[in-house]
């Protein structure tokens, strides 16, 4: 099975010849944007009113989540604006999926730390199953994006990379739902 890193590396290597902006230039821009967006996201989170009946913990999770996702979603938008080619869209989808995965790991860690020792095994098993399923999904998508299955059309690659991004976001939302409902 091809690892996720190898899959993405091969994908980017094969398609980088047609890119309008280099990967290093995009990373430099994203780092700059991230600093600006983090500040704006923090301001937005601070202005957000606390929901009635919500615990201090849930409120802090909601504010952190708002700030984090503000950054991710605006990075995604800025990346698409900068490079709106098929390759650019695929790169933005995959980068956003990775950002959501990082956030999911962050909030998973918080949830794990809040659980009783005896109950942690269920969460760990659930998370490990999720990660295993996503590795299999990436490998399958890597196969289905090949010309013999997709016909070489570019829309399939966009559909598949968006599917990965959406799956990661949905997983993150489940973790946030669990966290915001803790007492």
C-alpha atoms as a PDB file:
ATOM      1  CA  UNK A   1       0.000   0.000   0.000  1.00  0.00           C
ATOM      2  CA  UNK A   2       1.343   3.394  -0.953  1.00  0.00           C
ATOM      3  CA  UNK A   3       1.647   5.660   2.046  1.00  0.00           C
ATOM      4  CA  UNK A   4      -0.218   8.940   2.028  1.00  0.00           C
ATOM      5  CA  UNK A   5       2.993  10.930   1.898  1.00  0.00           C
ATOM      6  CA  UNK A   6       4.276   8.989  -1.077  1.00  0.00           C
ATOM      7  CA  UNK A   7       0.933   9.363  -2.849  1.00  0.00           C
ATOM      8  CA  UNK A   8       0.923  13.139  -2.402  1.00  0.00           C
ATOM      9  CA  UNK A   9       4.590  13.429  -3.332  1.00  0.00           C
ATOM     10  CA  UNK A  10       4.064  11.492  -6.548  1.00  0.00           C
ATOM     11  CA  UNK A  11       0.927  13.449  -7.331  1.00  0.00           C
ATOM     12  CA  UNK A  12       2.666  16.794  -6.906  1.00  0.00           C
ATOM     13  CA  UNK A  13       5.840  15.690  -8.704  1.00  0.00           C
ATOM     14  CA  UNK A  14       3.903  14.484 -11.735  1.00  0.00           C
ATOM     15  CA  UNK A  15       1.816  17.627 -11.974  1.00  0.00           C
ATOM     16  CA  UNK A  16       4.225  20.342 -10.837  1.00  0.00           C
ATOM     17  CA  UNK A  17       5.405  20.997 -14.390  1.00  0.00           C
ATOM     18  CA  UNK A  18       2.089  22.673 -15.189  1.00  0.00           C
ATOM     19  CA  UNK A  19       1.841  24.820 -12.073  1.00  0.00           C
ATOM     20  CA  UNK A  20       1.613  28.567 -12.449  1.00  0.00           C
ATOM     21  CA  UNK A  21       3.187  29.191  -9.064  1.00  0.00           C
ATOM     22  CA  UNK A  22       5.868  27.081  -7.443  1.00  0.00           C
ATOM     23  CA  UNK A  23       5.166  25.076  -4.327  1.00  0.00           C
ATOM     24  CA  UNK A  24       7.785  27.054  -2.404  1.00  0.00           C
ATOM     25  CA  UNK A  25       6.222  30.357  -3.487  1.00  0.00           C
ATOM     26  CA  UNK A  26       2.803  29.116  -2.393  1.00  0.00           C
ATOM     27  CA  UNK A  27       4.163  27.999   0.986  1.00  0.00           C
ATOM     28  CA  UNK A  28       5.739  31.426   1.497  1.00  0.00           C
ATOM     29  CA  UNK A  29       2.429  33.093   0.688  1.00  0.00           C
ATOM     30  CA  UNK A  30       0.519  30.702   2.936  1.00  0.00           C
ATOM     31  CA  UNK A  31       2.855  31.433   5.855  1.00  0.00           C
ATOM     32  CA  UNK A  32       2.286  35.163   5.365  1.00  0.00           C
ATOM     33  CA  UNK A  33      -1.470  34.710   5.048  1.00  0.00           C
ATOM     34  CA  UNK A  34      -1.560  32.418   8.077  1.00  0.00           C
ATOM     35  CA  UNK A  35      -0.128  35.139  10.337  1.00  0.00           C
ATOM     36  CA  UNK A  36      -2.658  37.698   9.088  1.00  0.00           C
ATOM     37  CA  UNK A  37      -5.566  35.262   9.292  1.00  0.00           C
ATOM     38  CA  UNK A  38      -4.645  34.036  12.774  1.00  0.00           C
ATOM     39  CA  UNK A  39      -4.872  37.625  14.023  1.00  0.00           C
ATOM     40  CA  UNK A  40      -8.213  38.225  12.281  1.00  0.00           C
ATOM     41  CA  UNK A  41      -9.550  34.864  13.469  1.00  0.00           C
ATOM     42  CA  UNK A  42      -8.573  35.690  17.033  1.00  0.00           C
ATOM     43  CA  UNK A  43     -10.388  39.036  16.808  1.00  0.00           C
ATOM     44  CA  UNK A  44     -13.470  37.299  15.411  1.00  0.00           C
ATOM     45  CA  UNK A  45     -13.437  34.677  18.159  1.00  0.00           C
ATOM     46  CA  UNK A  46     -13.118  37.377  20.829  1.00  0.00           C
ATOM     47  CA  UNK A  47     -16.141  39.231  19.421  1.00  0.00           C
ATOM     48  CA  UNK A  48     -18.278  36.099  19.421  1.00  0.00           C
ATOM     49  CA  UNK A  49     -20.781  36.073  22.245  1.00  0.00           C
ATOM     50  CA  UNK A  50     -20.955  33.165  24.625  1.00  0.00           C
ATOM     51  CA  UNK A  51     -23.968  30.925  24.151  1.00  0.00           C
ATOM     52  CA  UNK A  52     -26.314  30.775  27.103  1.00  0.00           C
ATOM     53  CA  UNK A  53     -25.965  27.650  29.226  1.00  0.00           C
ATOM     54  CA  UNK A  54     -22.621  26.637  27.709  1.00  0.00           C
ATOM     55  CA  UNK A  55     -19.825  25.598  30.059  1.00  0.00           C
ATOM     56  CA  UNK A  56     -16.527  27.482  30.172  1.00  0.00           C
ATOM     57  CA  UNK A  57     -14.853  24.470  28.565  1.00  0.00           C
ATOM     58  CA  UNK A  58     -17.338  24.260  25.681  1.00  0.00           C
ATOM     59  CA  UNK A  59     -17.092  27.997  25.147  1.00  0.00           C
ATOM     60  CA  UNK A  60     -13.302  27.828  24.965  1.00  0.00           C
ATOM     61  CA  UNK A  61     -13.514  24.949  22.457  1.00  0.00           C
ATOM     62  CA  UNK A  62     -15.990  26.869  20.315  1.00  0.00           C
ATOM     63  CA  UNK A  63     -13.778  29.956  20.286  1.00  0.00           C
ATOM     64  CA  UNK A  64     -10.621  27.974  19.468  1.00  0.00           C
ATOM     65  CA  UNK A  65     -12.460  26.063  16.748  1.00  0.00           C
ATOM     66  CA  UNK A  66     -13.801  29.285  15.232  1.00  0.00           C
ATOM     67  CA  UNK A  67     -10.317  30.778  15.130  1.00  0.00           C
ATOM     68  CA  UNK A  68      -8.725  27.608  13.744  1.00  0.00           C
ATOM     69  CA  UNK A  69     -11.286  27.051  11.007  1.00  0.00           C
ATOM     70  CA  UNK A  70     -11.295  30.740  10.071  1.00  0.00           C
ATOM     71  CA  UNK A  71      -7.607  30.373   9.265  1.00  0.00           C
ATOM     72  CA  UNK A  72      -7.967  27.085   7.379  1.00  0.00           C
ATOM     73  CA  UNK A  73     -10.940  28.101   5.275  1.00  0.00           C
ATOM     74  CA  UNK A  74      -9.480  31.476   4.370  1.00  0.00           C
ATOM     75  CA  UNK A  75      -6.125  29.902   3.487  1.00  0.00           C
ATOM     76  CA  UNK A  76      -8.037  27.574   1.194  1.00  0.00           C
ATOM     77  CA  UNK A  77      -9.876  30.490  -0.404  1.00  0.00           C
ATOM     78  CA  UNK A  78      -6.697  32.546  -0.873  1.00  0.00           C
ATOM     79  CA  UNK A  79      -4.881  29.573  -2.361  1.00  0.00           C
ATOM     80  CA  UNK A  80      -7.694  29.039  -4.865  1.00  0.00           C
ATOM     81  CA  UNK A  81      -7.649  32.724  -5.784  1.00  0.00           C
ATOM     82  CA  UNK A  82      -3.905  32.634  -6.359  1.00  0.00           C
ATOM     83  CA  UNK A  83      -3.914  29.454  -8.448  1.00  0.00           C
ATOM     84  CA  UNK A  84      -7.271  28.437  -9.897  1.00  0.00           C
ATOM     85  CA  UNK A  85      -6.017  25.858 -12.379  1.00  0.00           C
ATOM     86  CA  UNK A  86      -7.069  22.238 -12.046  1.00  0.00           C
ATOM     87  CA  UNK A  87      -3.742  21.533 -10.409  1.00  0.00           C
ATOM     88  CA  UNK A  88      -4.185  24.529  -8.120  1.00  0.00           C
ATOM     89  CA  UNK A  89      -7.630  23.363  -7.051  1.00  0.00           C
ATOM     90  CA  UNK A  90      -6.312  19.862  -6.328  1.00  0.00           C
ATOM     91  CA  UNK A  91      -3.401  21.263  -4.336  1.00  0.00           C
ATOM     92  CA  UNK A  92      -5.740  23.545  -2.378  1.00  0.00           C
ATOM     93  CA  UNK A  93      -8.117  20.655  -1.638  1.00  0.00           C
ATOM     94  CA  UNK A  94      -5.274  18.430  -0.435  1.00  0.00           C
ATOM     95  CA  UNK A  95      -3.677  21.223   1.614  1.00  0.00           C
ATOM     96  CA  UNK A  96      -7.009  21.997   3.241  1.00  0.00           C
ATOM     97  CA  UNK A  97      -7.573  18.297   3.971  1.00  0.00           C
ATOM     98  CA  UNK A  98      -4.165  18.208   5.682  1.00  0.00           C
ATOM     99  CA  UNK A  99      -5.030  21.302   7.720  1.00  0.00           C
ATOM    100  CA  UNK A 100      -8.292  19.691   8.841  1.00  0.00           C
ATOM    101  CA  UNK A 101      -6.407  16.530   9.736  1.00  0.00           C
ATOM    102  CA  UNK A 102      -4.018  18.545  11.920  1.00  0.00           C
ATOM    103  CA  UNK A 103      -6.973  20.189  13.656  1.00  0.00           C
ATOM    104  CA  UNK A 104      -8.690  16.823  14.107  1.00  0.00           C
ATOM    105  CA  UNK A 105      -5.545  15.511  15.798  1.00  0.00           C
ATOM    106  CA  UNK A 106      -5.461  18.595  18.042  1.00  0.00           C
ATOM    107  CA  UNK A 107      -9.075  18.246  19.160  1.00  0.00           C
ATOM    108  CA  UNK A 108      -8.793  14.461  19.421  1.00  0.00           C
ATOM    109  CA  UNK A 109      -5.937  15.018  21.889  1.00  0.00           C
ATOM    110  CA  UNK A 110      -8.088  17.378  23.928  1.00  0.00           C
ATOM    111  CA  UNK A 111     -10.987  14.911  23.970  1.00  0.00           C
ATOM    112  CA  UNK A 112      -8.657  12.059  24.912  1.00  0.00           C
ATOM    113  CA  UNK A 113      -7.278  14.087  27.827  1.00  0.00           C
ATOM    114  CA  UNK A 114     -10.815  14.716  29.124  1.00  0.00           C
ATOM    115  CA  UNK A 115     -11.848  11.070  29.167  1.00  0.00           C
ATOM    116  CA  UNK A 116     -11.544   8.657  32.066  1.00  0.00           C
ATOM    117  CA  UNK A 117      -8.625   6.256  31.764  1.00  0.00           C
ATOM    118  CA  UNK A 118     -10.966   3.256  31.447  1.00  0.00           C
ATOM    119  CA  UNK A 119     -12.867   4.901  28.583  1.00  0.00           C
ATOM    120  CA  UNK A 120      -9.913   6.087  26.504  1.00  0.00           C
ATOM    121  CA  UNK A 121      -9.494   2.759  24.721  1.00  0.00           C
ATOM    122  CA  UNK A 122     -12.804   3.247  22.886  1.00  0.00           C
ATOM    123  CA  UNK A 123     -11.761   6.654  21.603  1.00  0.00           C
ATOM    124  CA  UNK A 124      -8.283   5.479  20.622  1.00  0.00           C
ATOM    125  CA  UNK A 125      -9.764   2.517  18.730  1.00  0.00           C
ATOM    126  CA  UNK A 126     -12.263   4.789  16.983  1.00  0.00           C
ATOM    127  CA  UNK A 127      -9.535   7.247  15.949  1.00  0.00           C
ATOM    128  CA  UNK A 128      -7.202   4.480  14.765  1.00  0.00           C
ATOM    129  CA  UNK A 129     -10.008   2.974  12.687  1.00  0.00           C
ATOM    130  CA  UNK A 130     -10.690   6.386  11.167  1.00  0.00           C
ATOM    131  CA  UNK A 131      -7.037   6.902  10.232  1.00  0.00           C
ATOM    132  CA  UNK A 132      -6.823   3.403   8.761  1.00  0.00           C
ATOM    133  CA  UNK A 133      -9.956   3.971   6.705  1.00  0.00           C
ATOM    134  CA  UNK A 134      -8.580   7.288   5.400  1.00  0.00           C
ATOM    135  CA  UNK A 135      -5.317   5.620   4.354  1.00  0.00           C
ATOM    136  CA  UNK A 136      -7.342   3.069   2.391  1.00  0.00           C
ATOM    137  CA  UNK A 137      -9.484   5.847   0.914  1.00  0.00           C
ATOM    138  CA  UNK A 138      -6.373   7.739  -0.239  1.00  0.00           C
ATOM    139  CA  UNK A 139      -4.946   4.609  -1.841  1.00  0.00           C
ATOM    140  CA  UNK A 140      -8.243   3.874  -3.590  1.00  0.00           C
ATOM    141  CA  UNK A 141      -8.562   7.438  -4.814  1.00  0.00           C
ATOM    142  CA  UNK A 142      -4.986   7.278  -6.071  1.00  0.00           C
ATOM    143  CA  UNK A 143      -5.972   4.273  -8.175  1.00  0.00           C
ATOM    144  CA  UNK A 144      -9.266   5.755  -9.377  1.00  0.00           C
ATOM    145  CA  UNK A 145      -7.534   8.971 -10.476  1.00  0.00           C
ATOM    146  CA  UNK A 146      -5.420   7.001 -12.938  1.00  0.00           C
ATOM    147  CA  UNK A 147      -6.327   7.417 -16.588  1.00  0.00           C
ATOM    148  CA  UNK A 148      -7.488   3.820 -16.980  1.00  0.00           C
ATOM    149  CA  UNK A 149     -10.350   4.515 -14.556  1.00  0.00           C
ATOM    150  CA  UNK A 150     -10.957   8.234 -14.914  1.00  0.00           C
ATOM    151  CA  UNK A 151     -10.343   8.552 -18.636  1.00  0.00           C
ATOM    152  CA  UNK A 152      -7.787  11.208 -17.816  1.00  0.00           C
ATOM    153  CA  UNK A 153     -10.407  13.865 -17.200  1.00  0.00           C
ATOM    154  CA  UNK A 154      -9.429  16.569 -14.756  1.00  0.00           C
ATOM    155  CA  UNK A 155     -12.820  16.856 -13.076  1.00  0.00           C
ATOM    156  CA  UNK A 156     -12.394  13.433 -11.457  1.00  0.00           C
ATOM    157  CA  UNK A 157      -9.238  14.532  -9.678  1.00  0.00           C
ATOM    158  CA  UNK A 158     -11.002  17.607  -8.312  1.00  0.00           C
ATOM    159  CA  UNK A 159     -13.949  15.502  -7.183  1.00  0.00           C
ATOM    160  CA  UNK A 160     -11.683  13.013  -5.434  1.00  0.00           C
ATOM    161  CA  UNK A 161      -9.452  15.568  -3.704  1.00  0.00           C
ATOM    162  CA  UNK A 162     -12.535  17.466  -2.567  1.00  0.00           C
ATOM    163  CA  UNK A 163     -13.940  14.214  -1.187  1.00  0.00           C
ATOM    164  CA  UNK A 164     -10.786  13.777   0.932  1.00  0.00           C
ATOM    165  CA  UNK A 165     -11.063  17.356   2.177  1.00  0.00           C
ATOM    166  CA  UNK A 166     -14.745  16.962   3.049  1.00  0.00           C
ATOM    167  CA  UNK A 167     -14.142  13.676   4.869  1.00  0.00           C
ATOM    168  CA  UNK A 168     -11.427  15.270   7.014  1.00  0.00           C
ATOM    169  CA  UNK A 169     -13.652  18.250   7.807  1.00  0.00           C
ATOM    170  CA  UNK A 170     -16.562  15.974   8.739  1.00  0.00           C
ATOM    171  CA  UNK A 171     -14.326  14.010  11.106  1.00  0.00           C
ATOM    172  CA  UNK A 172     -13.191  17.255  12.726  1.00  0.00           C
ATOM    173  CA  UNK A 173     -16.808  18.367  13.148  1.00  0.00           C
ATOM    174  CA  UNK A 174     -17.653  15.102  14.912  1.00  0.00           C
ATOM    175  CA  UNK A 175     -14.787  15.657  17.370  1.00  0.00           C
ATOM    176  CA  UNK A 176     -15.929  19.226  17.998  1.00  0.00           C
ATOM    177  CA  UNK A 177     -19.473  18.015  18.596  1.00  0.00           C
ATOM    178  CA  UNK A 178     -18.213  15.501  21.165  1.00  0.00           C
ATOM    179  CA  UNK A 179     -16.097  18.152  22.877  1.00  0.00           C
ATOM    180  CA  UNK A 180     -18.750  20.851  23.043  1.00  0.00           C
ATOM    181  CA  UNK A 181     -21.191  18.440  24.671  1.00  0.00           C
ATOM    182  CA  UNK A 182     -18.890  17.527  27.531  1.00  0.00           C
ATOM    183  CA  UNK A 183     -19.884  18.838  30.936  1.00  0.00           C
END
